[in-house]
C-alpha atoms as a PDB file:
ATOM      1  CA  UNK A   1     -61.184   1.906  58.040  1.00  0.00           C
ATOM      2  CA  UNK A   2     -62.989  -0.379  59.577  1.00  0.00           C
ATOM      3  CA  UNK A   3     -66.249   0.935  59.711  1.00  0.00           C
ATOM      4  CA  UNK A   4     -66.813   0.700  56.155  1.00  0.00           C
ATOM      5  CA  UNK A   5     -68.782  -2.450  55.513  1.00  0.00           C
ATOM      6  CA  UNK A   6     -67.542  -5.104  53.179  1.00  0.00           C
ATOM      7  CA  UNK A   7     -68.780  -5.912  49.750  1.00  0.00           C
ATOM      8  CA  UNK A   8     -70.438  -8.824  50.435  1.00  0.00           C
ATOM      9  CA  UNK A   9     -71.698  -7.865  53.313  1.00  0.00           C
ATOM     10  CA  UNK A  10     -72.969  -4.375  51.514  1.00  0.00           C
ATOM     11  CA  UNK A  11     -74.584  -6.072  49.074  1.00  0.00           C
ATOM     12  CA  UNK A  12     -77.194  -8.002  51.197  1.00  0.00           C
ATOM     13  CA  UNK A  13     -78.120  -4.636  53.227  1.00  0.00           C
ATOM     14  CA  UNK A  14     -77.818  -2.769  50.651  1.00  0.00           C
ATOM     15  CA  UNK A  15     -81.739  -4.379  49.009  1.00  0.00           C
ATOM     16  CA  UNK A  16     -83.863  -2.761  46.557  1.00  0.00           C
ATOM     17  CA  UNK A  17     -86.313  -1.240  48.125  1.00  0.00           C
ATOM     18  CA  UNK A  18     -89.674  -2.956  48.551  1.00  0.00           C
ATOM     19  CA  UNK A  19     -92.174  -0.895  48.127  1.00  0.00           C
ATOM     20  CA  UNK A  20     -93.354  -0.139  44.112  1.00  0.00           C
ATOM     21  CA  UNK A  21     -90.579   2.967  42.989  1.00  0.00           C
ATOM     22  CA  UNK A  22     -91.938   5.945  42.429  1.00  0.00           C
ATOM     23  CA  UNK A  23     -90.161   8.702  40.111  1.00  0.00           C
ATOM     24  CA  UNK A  24     -88.250  11.055  42.964  1.00  0.00           C
ATOM     25  CA  UNK A  25     -87.303  14.209  42.315  1.00  0.00           C
ATOM     26  CA  UNK A  26     -85.789  17.978  44.379  1.00  0.00           C
ATOM     27  CA  UNK A  27     -84.127  21.177  43.553  1.00  0.00           C
ATOM     28  CA  UNK A  28     -81.678  22.354  46.415  1.00  0.00           C
ATOM     29  CA  UNK A  29     -79.265  24.993  46.484  1.00  0.00           C
ATOM     30  CA  UNK A  30     -75.313  24.070  46.073  1.00  0.00           C
ATOM     31  CA  UNK A  31     -72.818  24.760  49.002  1.00  0.00           C
ATOM     32  CA  UNK A  32     -71.564  26.366  45.691  1.00  0.00           C
ATOM     33  CA  UNK A  33     -74.469  28.472  44.145  1.00  0.00           C
ATOM     34  CA  UNK A  34     -75.801  26.179  41.411  1.00  0.00           C
ATOM     35  CA  UNK A  35     -79.300  24.692  42.310  1.00  0.00           C
ATOM     36  CA  UNK A  36     -79.174  20.974  41.715  1.00  0.00           C
ATOM     37  CA  UNK A  37     -82.525  18.754  40.879  1.00  0.00           C
ATOM     38  CA  UNK A  38     -82.381  15.410  40.533  1.00  0.00           C
ATOM     39  CA  UNK A  39     -83.996  15.106  37.610  1.00  0.00           C
ATOM     40  CA  UNK A  40     -81.212  17.170  35.677  1.00  0.00           C
ATOM     41  CA  UNK A  41     -79.550  13.822  35.932  1.00  0.00           C
ATOM     42  CA  UNK A  42     -82.079  11.692  34.195  1.00  0.00           C
ATOM     43  CA  UNK A  43     -80.002   9.283  32.386  1.00  0.00           C
ATOM     44  CA  UNK A  44     -77.380   8.519  35.177  1.00  0.00           C
ATOM     45  CA  UNK A  45     -77.379   6.833  38.382  1.00  0.00           C
ATOM     46  CA  UNK A  46     -77.391   9.047  41.074  1.00  0.00           C
ATOM     47  CA  UNK A  47     -75.897   8.086  44.770  1.00  0.00           C
ATOM     48  CA  UNK A  48     -77.671  10.575  47.256  1.00  0.00           C
ATOM     49  CA  UNK A  49     -75.243  10.365  50.547  1.00  0.00           C
ATOM     50  CA  UNK A  50     -76.260  12.607  53.508  1.00  0.00           C
ATOM     51  CA  UNK A  51     -73.935  12.910  56.017  1.00  0.00           C
ATOM     52  CA  UNK A  52     -72.193  15.030  58.039  1.00  0.00           C
ATOM     53  CA  UNK A  53     -68.531  15.929  59.005  1.00  0.00           C
ATOM     54  CA  UNK A  54     -68.275  14.766  62.765  1.00  0.00           C
ATOM     55  CA  UNK A  55     -69.637  11.587  61.906  1.00  0.00           C
ATOM     56  CA  UNK A  56     -66.451   9.246  61.824  1.00  0.00           C
ATOM     57  CA  UNK A  57     -67.973   6.659  58.886  1.00  0.00           C
ATOM     58  CA  UNK A  58     -69.433   9.559  56.729  1.00  0.00           C
ATOM     59  CA  UNK A  59     -66.148  11.063  56.997  1.00  0.00           C
ATOM     60  CA  UNK A  60     -64.218   7.250  56.314  1.00  0.00           C
ATOM     61  CA  UNK A  61     -66.621   6.800  53.115  1.00  0.00           C
ATOM     62  CA  UNK A  62     -66.124   9.879  51.722  1.00  0.00           C
ATOM     63  CA  UNK A  63     -62.473   8.896  49.326  1.00  0.00           C
ATOM     64  CA  UNK A  64     -64.565   6.248  48.137  1.00  0.00           C
ATOM     65  CA  UNK A  65     -67.354   8.197  47.216  1.00  0.00           C
ATOM     66  CA  UNK A  66     -65.066  11.345  45.423  1.00  0.00           C
ATOM     67  CA  UNK A  67     -63.595   7.559  44.162  1.00  0.00           C
ATOM     68  CA  UNK A  68     -66.899   6.387  42.000  1.00  0.00           C
ATOM     69  CA  UNK A  69     -67.624   9.756  41.484  1.00  0.00           C
ATOM     70  CA  UNK A  70     -64.374  10.767  39.122  1.00  0.00           C
ATOM     71  CA  UNK A  71     -64.575   7.645  37.577  1.00  0.00           C
ATOM     72  CA  UNK A  72     -68.212   7.730  36.741  1.00  0.00           C
ATOM     73  CA  UNK A  73     -69.373  11.576  35.999  1.00  0.00           C
ATOM     74  CA  UNK A  74     -68.507  11.959  32.840  1.00  0.00           C
ATOM     75  CA  UNK A  75     -70.451   8.275  32.022  1.00  0.00           C
ATOM     76  CA  UNK A  76     -73.416   7.395  33.641  1.00  0.00           C
ATOM     77  CA  UNK A  77     -73.558   7.715  37.868  1.00  0.00           C
ATOM     78  CA  UNK A  78     -73.624  10.599  39.553  1.00  0.00           C
ATOM     79  CA  UNK A  79     -73.172  11.765  43.511  1.00  0.00           C
ATOM     80  CA  UNK A  80     -75.223  14.292  45.593  1.00  0.00           C
ATOM     81  CA  UNK A  81     -73.552  14.933  49.380  1.00  0.00           C
ATOM     82  CA  UNK A  82     -76.288  16.008  51.585  1.00  0.00           C
ATOM     83  CA  UNK A  83     -74.323  17.669  54.566  1.00  0.00           C
ATOM     84  CA  UNK A  84     -77.502  17.106  57.364  1.00  0.00           C
ATOM     85  CA  UNK A  85     -76.314  19.172  59.856  1.00  0.00           C
ATOM     86  CA  UNK A  86     -75.647  22.793  61.600  1.00  0.00           C
ATOM     87  CA  UNK A  87     -72.585  24.047  60.437  1.00  0.00           C
ATOM     88  CA  UNK A  88     -71.437  27.556  58.892  1.00  0.00           C
ATOM     89  CA  UNK A  89     -70.931  27.757  55.555  1.00  0.00           C
ATOM     90  CA  UNK A  90     -68.364  28.513  55.594  1.00  0.00           C
ATOM     91  CA  UNK A  91     -66.347  24.886  58.055  1.00  0.00           C
ATOM     92  CA  UNK A  92     -68.639  23.292  55.585  1.00  0.00           C
ATOM     93  CA  UNK A  93     -66.462  24.643  52.716  1.00  0.00           C
ATOM     94  CA  UNK A  94     -63.634  24.694  55.130  1.00  0.00           C
ATOM     95  CA  UNK A  95     -63.831  21.136  55.580  1.00  0.00           C
ATOM     96  CA  UNK A  96     -64.610  19.314  51.488  1.00  0.00           C
ATOM     97  CA  UNK A  97     -62.321  21.883  50.616  1.00  0.00           C
ATOM     98  CA  UNK A  98     -59.606  19.931  52.982  1.00  0.00           C
ATOM     99  CA  UNK A  99     -61.236  16.550  51.354  1.00  0.00           C
ATOM    100  CA  UNK A 100     -60.600  17.319  47.956  1.00  0.00           C
ATOM    101  CA  UNK A 101     -64.848  16.698  47.102  1.00  0.00           C
ATOM    102  CA  UNK A 102     -65.693  17.196  43.499  1.00  0.00           C
ATOM    103  CA  UNK A 103     -68.868  16.083  43.581  1.00  0.00           C
ATOM    104  CA  UNK A 104     -71.650  18.932  44.074  1.00  0.00           C
ATOM    105  CA  UNK A 105     -72.314  19.505  48.337  1.00  0.00           C
ATOM    106  CA  UNK A 106     -75.633  21.074  49.895  1.00  0.00           C
ATOM    107  CA  UNK A 107     -76.328  21.653  53.086  1.00  0.00           C
ATOM    108  CA  UNK A 108     -79.909  20.357  54.537  1.00  0.00           C
ATOM    109  CA  UNK A 109     -80.504  21.170  58.092  1.00  0.00           C
ATOM    110  CA  UNK A 110     -81.155  18.368  60.935  1.00  0.00           C
ATOM    111  CA  UNK A 111     -84.124  19.728  61.645  1.00  0.00           C
ATOM    112  CA  UNK A 112     -86.031  19.777  57.911  1.00  0.00           C
ATOM    113  CA  UNK A 113     -86.803  16.382  56.532  1.00  0.00           C
ATOM    114  CA  UNK A 114     -84.921  14.703  54.465  1.00  0.00           C
ATOM    115  CA  UNK A 115     -86.220  15.405  50.166  1.00  0.00           C
ATOM    116  CA  UNK A 116     -86.105  11.865  49.759  1.00  0.00           C
ATOM    117  CA  UNK A 117     -86.904   9.753  52.609  1.00  0.00           C
ATOM    118  CA  UNK A 118     -85.948   9.182  56.777  1.00  0.00           C
ATOM    119  CA  UNK A 119     -82.209   9.119  57.736  1.00  0.00           C
ATOM    120  CA  UNK A 120     -82.382   7.025  60.614  1.00  0.00           C
ATOM    121  CA  UNK A 121     -78.154   6.703  60.917  1.00  0.00           C
ATOM    122  CA  UNK A 122     -75.551   9.153  58.708  1.00  0.00           C
ATOM    123  CA  UNK A 123     -74.461   8.254  56.808  1.00  0.00           C
ATOM    124  CA  UNK A 124     -77.902   7.160  54.718  1.00  0.00           C
ATOM    125  CA  UNK A 125     -77.472   6.917  50.734  1.00  0.00           C
ATOM    126  CA  UNK A 126     -80.669   6.222  48.476  1.00  0.00           C
ATOM    127  CA  UNK A 127     -79.162   5.435  44.817  1.00  0.00           C
ATOM    128  CA  UNK A 128     -82.005   6.396  42.374  1.00  0.00           C
ATOM    129  CA  UNK A 129     -81.446   4.311  39.020  1.00  0.00           C
ATOM    130  CA  UNK A 130     -81.478   6.462  35.469  1.00  0.00           C
ATOM    131  CA  UNK A 131     -85.566   6.825  35.013  1.00  0.00           C
ATOM    132  CA  UNK A 132     -85.050   8.824  38.097  1.00  0.00           C
ATOM    133  CA  UNK A 133     -86.169   6.214  40.895  1.00  0.00           C
ATOM    134  CA  UNK A 134     -84.896   5.070  44.210  1.00  0.00           C
ATOM    135  CA  UNK A 135     -83.804   1.957  43.787  1.00  0.00           C
ATOM    136  CA  UNK A 136     -81.679   0.632  46.630  1.00  0.00           C
ATOM    137  CA  UNK A 137     -81.415   2.749  50.157  1.00  0.00           C
ATOM    138  CA  UNK A 138     -78.099   2.075  52.676  1.00  0.00           C
ATOM    139  CA  UNK A 139     -77.439   3.127  56.016  1.00  0.00           C
ATOM    140  CA  UNK A 140     -73.791   3.208  57.285  1.00  0.00           C
ATOM    141  CA  UNK A 141     -71.268   3.783  54.667  1.00  0.00           C
ATOM    142  CA  UNK A 142     -70.850   2.828  50.982  1.00  0.00           C
ATOM    143  CA  UNK A 143     -67.837   1.315  48.926  1.00  0.00           C
ATOM    144  CA  UNK A 144     -66.834   2.339  45.345  1.00  0.00           C
ATOM    145  CA  UNK A 145     -66.449  -1.212  44.506  1.00  0.00           C
ATOM    146  CA  UNK A 146     -70.742  -2.176  45.873  1.00  0.00           C
ATOM    147  CA  UNK A 147     -71.515   0.592  44.355  1.00  0.00           C
ATOM    148  CA  UNK A 148     -70.310  -0.351  41.146  1.00  0.00           C
ATOM    149  CA  UNK A 149     -71.046  -3.945  41.594  1.00  0.00           C
ATOM    150  CA  UNK A 150     -74.799  -2.963  42.696  1.00  0.00           C
ATOM    151  CA  UNK A 151     -75.410  -0.937  39.380  1.00  0.00           C
ATOM    152  CA  UNK A 152     -73.682  -3.612  37.421  1.00  0.00           C
ATOM    153  CA  UNK A 153     -76.127  -6.643  38.915  1.00  0.00           C
ATOM    154  CA  UNK A 154     -79.141  -4.170  38.020  1.00  0.00           C
ATOM    155  CA  UNK A 155     -77.734  -2.990  34.563  1.00  0.00           C
ATOM    156  CA  UNK A 156     -77.962  -6.760  33.621  1.00  0.00           C
ATOM    157  CA  UNK A 157     -80.696  -7.037  35.106  1.00  0.00           C
ATOM    158  CA  UNK A 158     -82.156  -4.358  33.780  1.00  0.00           C
ATOM    159  CA  UNK A 159     -81.021  -6.127  30.151  1.00  0.00           C
ATOM    160  CA  UNK A 160     -81.709  -9.808  30.229  1.00  0.00           C
ATOM    161  CA  UNK A 161     -84.470 -10.371  28.047  1.00  0.00           C
ATOM    162  CA  UNK A 162     -87.677 -12.274  29.849  1.00  0.00           C
ATOM    163  CA  UNK A 163     -88.037 -16.184  29.644  1.00  0.00           C
ATOM    164  CA  UNK A 164     -90.599 -16.707  27.209  1.00  0.00           C
ATOM    165  CA  UNK A 165     -93.848 -18.419  29.049  1.00  0.00           C
ATOM    166  CA  UNK A 166     -94.862 -21.861  27.326  1.00  0.00           C
ATOM    167  CA  UNK A 167     -98.319 -22.291  27.210  1.00  0.00           C
END
């Protein structure tokens, strides 16, 4: 697991986006034939993870994302995996089964523009807050702990009342 960036470094790298947050949405069909719209997950955090079966750091982070998904899917967060590669549905399904992935997997051709923004390298992840706004982007592998810490920190900042201005 040498490719997975450790928590302190990751928190420094997974920075909130400095641009004004815009509501993000897309509708794509998963390997299971179901339609997935980002807007269907309002009220939950959504990690949109671009990856490929041939990418070693991607393969190393998959178990971390599966544990994160399993721990949060019924409460406050989900993972949508977007396989950004030319591969047959059958081969991708076999890979997903071998990796015991239960979160939704969507296949997108690499020559198509990714729905949330640029993907300069794999893996690339976008974190969408419960209001549907992209709040962070990470190029490189993530850990479950880093995701949970980022969300916890972001939630704490949102729930802290702003100090009243003194006149």
